[in-house]
Amino acid sequence: MWRVLFILLPLVFLFILAMAFGAYNKSSVPVHFIVAQKEMTVASLLALFLGIGFFFGTLSLSLSYWRLRVRNRRLRKELNKLKR
């Protein structure tokens, strides 16, 4: 529970900070994607990239966590076999 709180609070704070920044900065910037071009506000662009970064960071950490859990389970089984 505390982990989720410590992860979500900074994310919510950064998102609110991005929205406050965007409220004062309403200028649009052209964004060139690989297949398209779009005009976006600075705040929405900042929120978009913050969300994408959070998604990929969470994905990479969860994959590492899953790998460590599998390794830990394998080592515990091996240790139980050695104890017998």
N, C-alpha and C. Protein backbone atom coordinates (compact mmCIF):
# COMPACT_ATOMS: atom_id res chain seq x y z
N MET A 1 0.81 -1.19 0.00
CA MET A 1 0.00 0.00 0.00
C MET A 1 0.86 1.26 0.00
N TRP A 2 1.91 1.25 0.82
CA TRP A 2 2.78 2.42 0.90
C TRP A 2 3.57 2.61 -0.39
N ARG A 3 3.94 1.49 -1.03
CA ARG A 3 4.67 1.60 -2.29
C ARG A 3 3.84 2.32 -3.34
N VAL A 4 2.58 1.93 -3.42
CA VAL A 4 1.69 2.55 -4.40
C VAL A 4 1.54 4.04 -4.10
N LEU A 5 1.44 4.36 -2.83
CA LEU A 5 1.31 5.77 -2.43
C LEU A 5 2.56 6.56 -2.80
N PHE A 6 3.73 6.00 -2.57
CA PHE A 6 4.98 6.69 -2.89
C PHE A 6 5.22 6.78 -4.39
N ILE A 7 4.60 5.92 -5.16
CA ILE A 7 4.73 5.99 -6.61
C ILE A 7 3.73 6.97 -7.19
N LEU A 8 2.50 6.91 -6.72
CA LEU A 8 1.44 7.73 -7.31
C LEU A 8 1.49 9.20 -6.90
N LEU A 9 1.91 9.48 -5.69
CA LEU A 9 1.94 10.88 -5.25
C LEU A 9 2.87 11.76 -6.09
N PRO A 10 4.12 11.34 -6.35
CA PRO A 10 4.95 12.18 -7.22
C PRO A 10 4.40 12.29 -8.64
N LEU A 11 3.78 11.22 -9.13
CA LEU A 11 3.21 11.26 -10.47
C LEU A 11 2.05 12.25 -10.54
N VAL A 12 1.18 12.22 -9.55
CA VAL A 12 0.06 13.15 -9.51
C VAL A 12 0.57 14.59 -9.36
N PHE A 13 1.58 14.78 -8.52
CA PHE A 13 2.17 16.11 -8.35
C PHE A 13 2.74 16.64 -9.66
N LEU A 14 3.48 15.80 -10.39
CA LEU A 14 4.04 16.22 -11.66
C LEU A 14 2.97 16.51 -12.69
N PHE A 15 1.90 15.71 -12.68
CA PHE A 15 0.81 15.94 -13.62
C PHE A 15 0.11 17.26 -13.32
N ILE A 16 -0.14 17.55 -12.05
CA ILE A 16 -0.76 18.83 -11.67
C ILE A 16 0.16 19.99 -12.01
N LEU A 17 1.45 19.82 -11.80
CA LEU A 17 2.43 20.85 -12.15
C LEU A 17 2.43 21.10 -13.66
N ALA A 18 2.32 20.05 -14.44
CA ALA A 18 2.27 20.19 -15.89
C ALA A 18 0.99 20.92 -16.32
N MET A 19 -0.11 20.60 -15.67
CA MET A 19 -1.35 21.28 -16.02
C MET A 19 -1.31 22.76 -15.61
N ALA A 20 -0.72 23.08 -14.48
CA ALA A 20 -0.59 24.47 -14.06
C ALA A 20 0.33 25.22 -15.02
N PHE A 21 1.39 24.57 -15.46
CA PHE A 21 2.29 25.17 -16.44
C PHE A 21 1.54 25.44 -17.74
N GLY A 22 0.70 24.51 -18.14
CA GLY A 22 -0.06 24.66 -19.37
C GLY A 22 -1.14 25.72 -19.29
N ALA A 23 -1.66 25.95 -18.09
CA ALA A 23 -2.68 26.98 -17.93
C ALA A 23 -2.12 28.37 -18.21
N TYR A 24 -0.85 28.58 -17.90
CA TYR A 24 -0.22 29.86 -18.15
C TYR A 24 0.45 29.94 -19.51
N ASN A 25 0.66 28.79 -20.13
CA ASN A 25 1.35 28.74 -21.41
C ASN A 25 0.45 28.05 -22.42
N LYS A 26 -0.37 28.82 -23.11
CA LYS A 26 -1.36 28.25 -24.02
C LYS A 26 -0.87 28.20 -25.46
N SER A 27 0.39 28.39 -25.66
CA SER A 27 0.90 28.38 -27.03
C SER A 27 0.94 26.95 -27.58
N SER A 28 0.70 26.84 -28.86
CA SER A 28 0.73 25.54 -29.53
C SER A 28 2.07 25.36 -30.23
N VAL A 29 2.50 24.13 -30.27
CA VAL A 29 3.74 23.80 -30.97
C VAL A 29 3.44 22.69 -31.97
N PRO A 30 4.09 22.71 -33.12
CA PRO A 30 3.89 21.61 -34.07
C PRO A 30 4.70 20.40 -33.64
N VAL A 31 4.07 19.24 -33.68
CA VAL A 31 4.74 18.00 -33.31
C VAL A 31 4.77 17.12 -34.56
N HIS A 32 5.95 16.68 -34.95
CA HIS A 32 6.10 15.85 -36.14
C HIS A 32 6.27 14.40 -35.71
N PHE A 33 5.23 13.61 -35.89
CA PHE A 33 5.31 12.18 -35.67
C PHE A 33 5.86 11.54 -36.94
N ILE A 34 6.08 10.24 -36.91
CA ILE A 34 6.66 9.58 -38.08
C ILE A 34 5.71 9.65 -39.27
N VAL A 35 4.42 9.47 -39.03
CA VAL A 35 3.46 9.43 -40.14
C VAL A 35 2.53 10.64 -40.18
N ALA A 36 2.58 11.50 -39.21
CA ALA A 36 1.64 12.61 -39.18
C ALA A 36 2.26 13.83 -38.49
N GLN A 37 1.56 14.94 -38.61
CA GLN A 37 1.97 16.16 -37.93
C GLN A 37 0.74 16.72 -37.22
N LYS A 38 0.95 17.20 -36.00
CA LYS A 38 -0.18 17.70 -35.22
C LYS A 38 0.25 18.91 -34.40
N GLU A 39 -0.68 19.82 -34.18
CA GLU A 39 -0.45 20.97 -33.29
C GLU A 39 -0.96 20.60 -31.91
N MET A 40 -0.12 20.75 -30.90
CA MET A 40 -0.50 20.42 -29.52
C MET A 40 -0.04 21.54 -28.61
N THR A 41 -0.75 21.71 -27.50
CA THR A 41 -0.30 22.68 -26.51
C THR A 41 0.88 22.09 -25.75
N VAL A 42 1.65 22.95 -25.14
CA VAL A 42 2.83 22.51 -24.41
C VAL A 42 2.43 21.63 -23.22
N ALA A 43 1.34 21.98 -22.56
CA ALA A 43 0.91 21.21 -21.39
C ALA A 43 0.46 19.81 -21.78
N SER A 44 -0.30 19.69 -22.85
CA SER A 44 -0.74 18.36 -23.25
C SER A 44 0.42 17.52 -23.74
N LEU A 45 1.38 18.14 -24.39
CA LEU A 45 2.58 17.42 -24.83
C LEU A 45 3.40 16.94 -23.64
N LEU A 46 3.52 17.79 -22.63
CA LEU A 46 4.25 17.42 -21.42
C LEU A 46 3.54 16.29 -20.68
N ALA A 47 2.23 16.37 -20.57
CA ALA A 47 1.46 15.31 -19.90
C ALA A 47 1.54 14.01 -20.68
N LEU A 48 1.52 14.09 -22.00
CA LEU A 48 1.62 12.89 -22.83
C LEU A 48 2.95 12.18 -22.62
N PHE A 49 4.04 12.93 -22.66
CA PHE A 49 5.35 12.32 -22.49
C PHE A 49 5.59 11.86 -21.05
N LEU A 50 5.02 12.53 -20.09
CA LEU A 50 5.09 12.06 -18.71
C LEU A 50 4.39 10.72 -18.56
N GLY A 51 3.22 10.59 -19.16
CA GLY A 51 2.49 9.33 -19.10
C GLY A 51 3.21 8.21 -19.83
N ILE A 52 3.78 8.49 -20.99
CA ILE A 52 4.52 7.47 -21.74
C ILE A 52 5.75 7.03 -20.95
N GLY A 53 6.46 7.97 -20.37
CA GLY A 53 7.64 7.62 -19.57
C GLY A 53 7.28 6.80 -18.34
N PHE A 54 6.17 7.15 -17.69
CA PHE A 54 5.73 6.39 -16.53
C PHE A 54 5.35 4.97 -16.94
N PHE A 55 4.67 4.82 -18.08
CA PHE A 55 4.28 3.50 -18.55
C PHE A 55 5.50 2.63 -18.83
N PHE A 56 6.47 3.14 -19.58
CA PHE A 56 7.64 2.34 -19.91
C PHE A 56 8.51 2.08 -18.69
N GLY A 57 8.61 3.01 -17.78
CA GLY A 57 9.35 2.78 -16.54
C GLY A 57 8.72 1.71 -15.68
N THR A 58 7.40 1.76 -15.55
CA THR A 58 6.68 0.74 -14.79
C THR A 58 6.81 -0.62 -15.46
N LEU A 59 6.74 -0.66 -16.77
CA LEU A 59 6.88 -1.91 -17.51
C LEU A 59 8.25 -2.52 -17.30
N SER A 60 9.30 -1.73 -17.40
CA SER A 60 10.65 -2.27 -17.23
C SER A 60 10.90 -2.73 -15.79
N LEU A 61 10.40 -1.97 -14.81
CA LEU A 61 10.58 -2.39 -13.42
C LEU A 61 9.79 -3.65 -13.09
N SER A 62 8.60 -3.77 -13.65
CA SER A 62 7.81 -4.97 -13.37
C SER A 62 8.43 -6.20 -14.01
N LEU A 63 9.02 -6.05 -15.18
CA LEU A 63 9.70 -7.19 -15.80
C LEU A 63 10.92 -7.62 -14.97
N SER A 64 11.68 -6.67 -14.47
CA SER A 64 12.82 -7.01 -13.61
C SER A 64 12.35 -7.66 -12.32
N TYR A 65 11.28 -7.14 -11.75
CA TYR A 65 10.73 -7.70 -10.51
C TYR A 65 10.25 -9.13 -10.73
N TRP A 66 9.59 -9.37 -11.87
CA TRP A 66 9.09 -10.71 -12.18
C TRP A 66 10.26 -11.68 -12.35
N ARG A 67 11.32 -11.26 -13.04
CA ARG A 67 12.49 -12.11 -13.22
C ARG A 67 13.12 -12.46 -11.87
N LEU A 68 13.22 -11.50 -10.96
CA LEU A 68 13.80 -11.77 -9.65
C LEU A 68 12.91 -12.71 -8.83
N ARG A 69 11.60 -12.58 -8.95
CA ARG A 69 10.71 -13.49 -8.23
C ARG A 69 10.85 -14.92 -8.72
N VAL A 70 10.97 -15.10 -10.03
CA VAL A 70 11.16 -16.44 -10.59
C VAL A 70 12.49 -17.02 -10.12
N ARG A 71 13.53 -16.23 -10.13
CA ARG A 71 14.84 -16.71 -9.67
C ARG A 71 14.80 -17.05 -8.18
N ASN A 72 14.13 -16.21 -7.38
CA ASN A 72 14.01 -16.46 -5.95
C ASN A 72 13.26 -17.76 -5.68
N ARG A 73 12.17 -17.99 -6.42
CA ARG A 73 11.39 -19.22 -6.26
C ARG A 73 12.24 -20.45 -6.61
N ARG A 74 13.01 -20.35 -7.70
CA ARG A 74 13.87 -21.45 -8.10
C ARG A 74 14.94 -21.73 -7.04
N LEU A 75 15.53 -20.71 -6.49
CA LEU A 75 16.56 -20.90 -5.46
C LEU A 75 15.97 -21.47 -4.17
N ARG A 76 14.74 -21.06 -3.82
CA ARG A 76 14.09 -21.63 -2.63
C ARG A 76 13.81 -23.12 -2.80
N LYS A 77 13.37 -23.51 -3.98
CA LYS A 77 13.13 -24.94 -4.25
C LYS A 77 14.42 -25.72 -4.15
N GLU A 78 15.48 -25.16 -4.70
CA GLU A 78 16.78 -25.83 -4.64
C GLU A 78 17.27 -25.93 -3.20
N LEU A 79 17.06 -24.90 -2.40
CA LEU A 79 17.46 -24.91 -1.00
C LEU A 79 16.65 -25.94 -0.22
N ASN A 80 15.36 -26.06 -0.48
CA ASN A 80 14.54 -27.06 0.20
C ASN A 80 14.98 -28.46 -0.16
N LYS A 81 15.41 -28.70 -1.39
CA LYS A 81 15.91 -30.01 -1.76
C LYS A 81 17.20 -30.35 -1.03
N LEU A 82 18.06 -29.35 -0.83
CA LEU A 82 19.34 -29.56 -0.13
C LEU A 82 19.12 -29.79 1.36
N LYS A 83 18.08 -29.21 1.94
CA LYS A 83 17.79 -29.38 3.38
C LYS A 83 17.34 -30.79 3.68
N ARG A 84 16.68 -31.45 2.75
CA ARG A 84 16.15 -32.79 3.00
C ARG A 84 17.21 -33.80 2.93
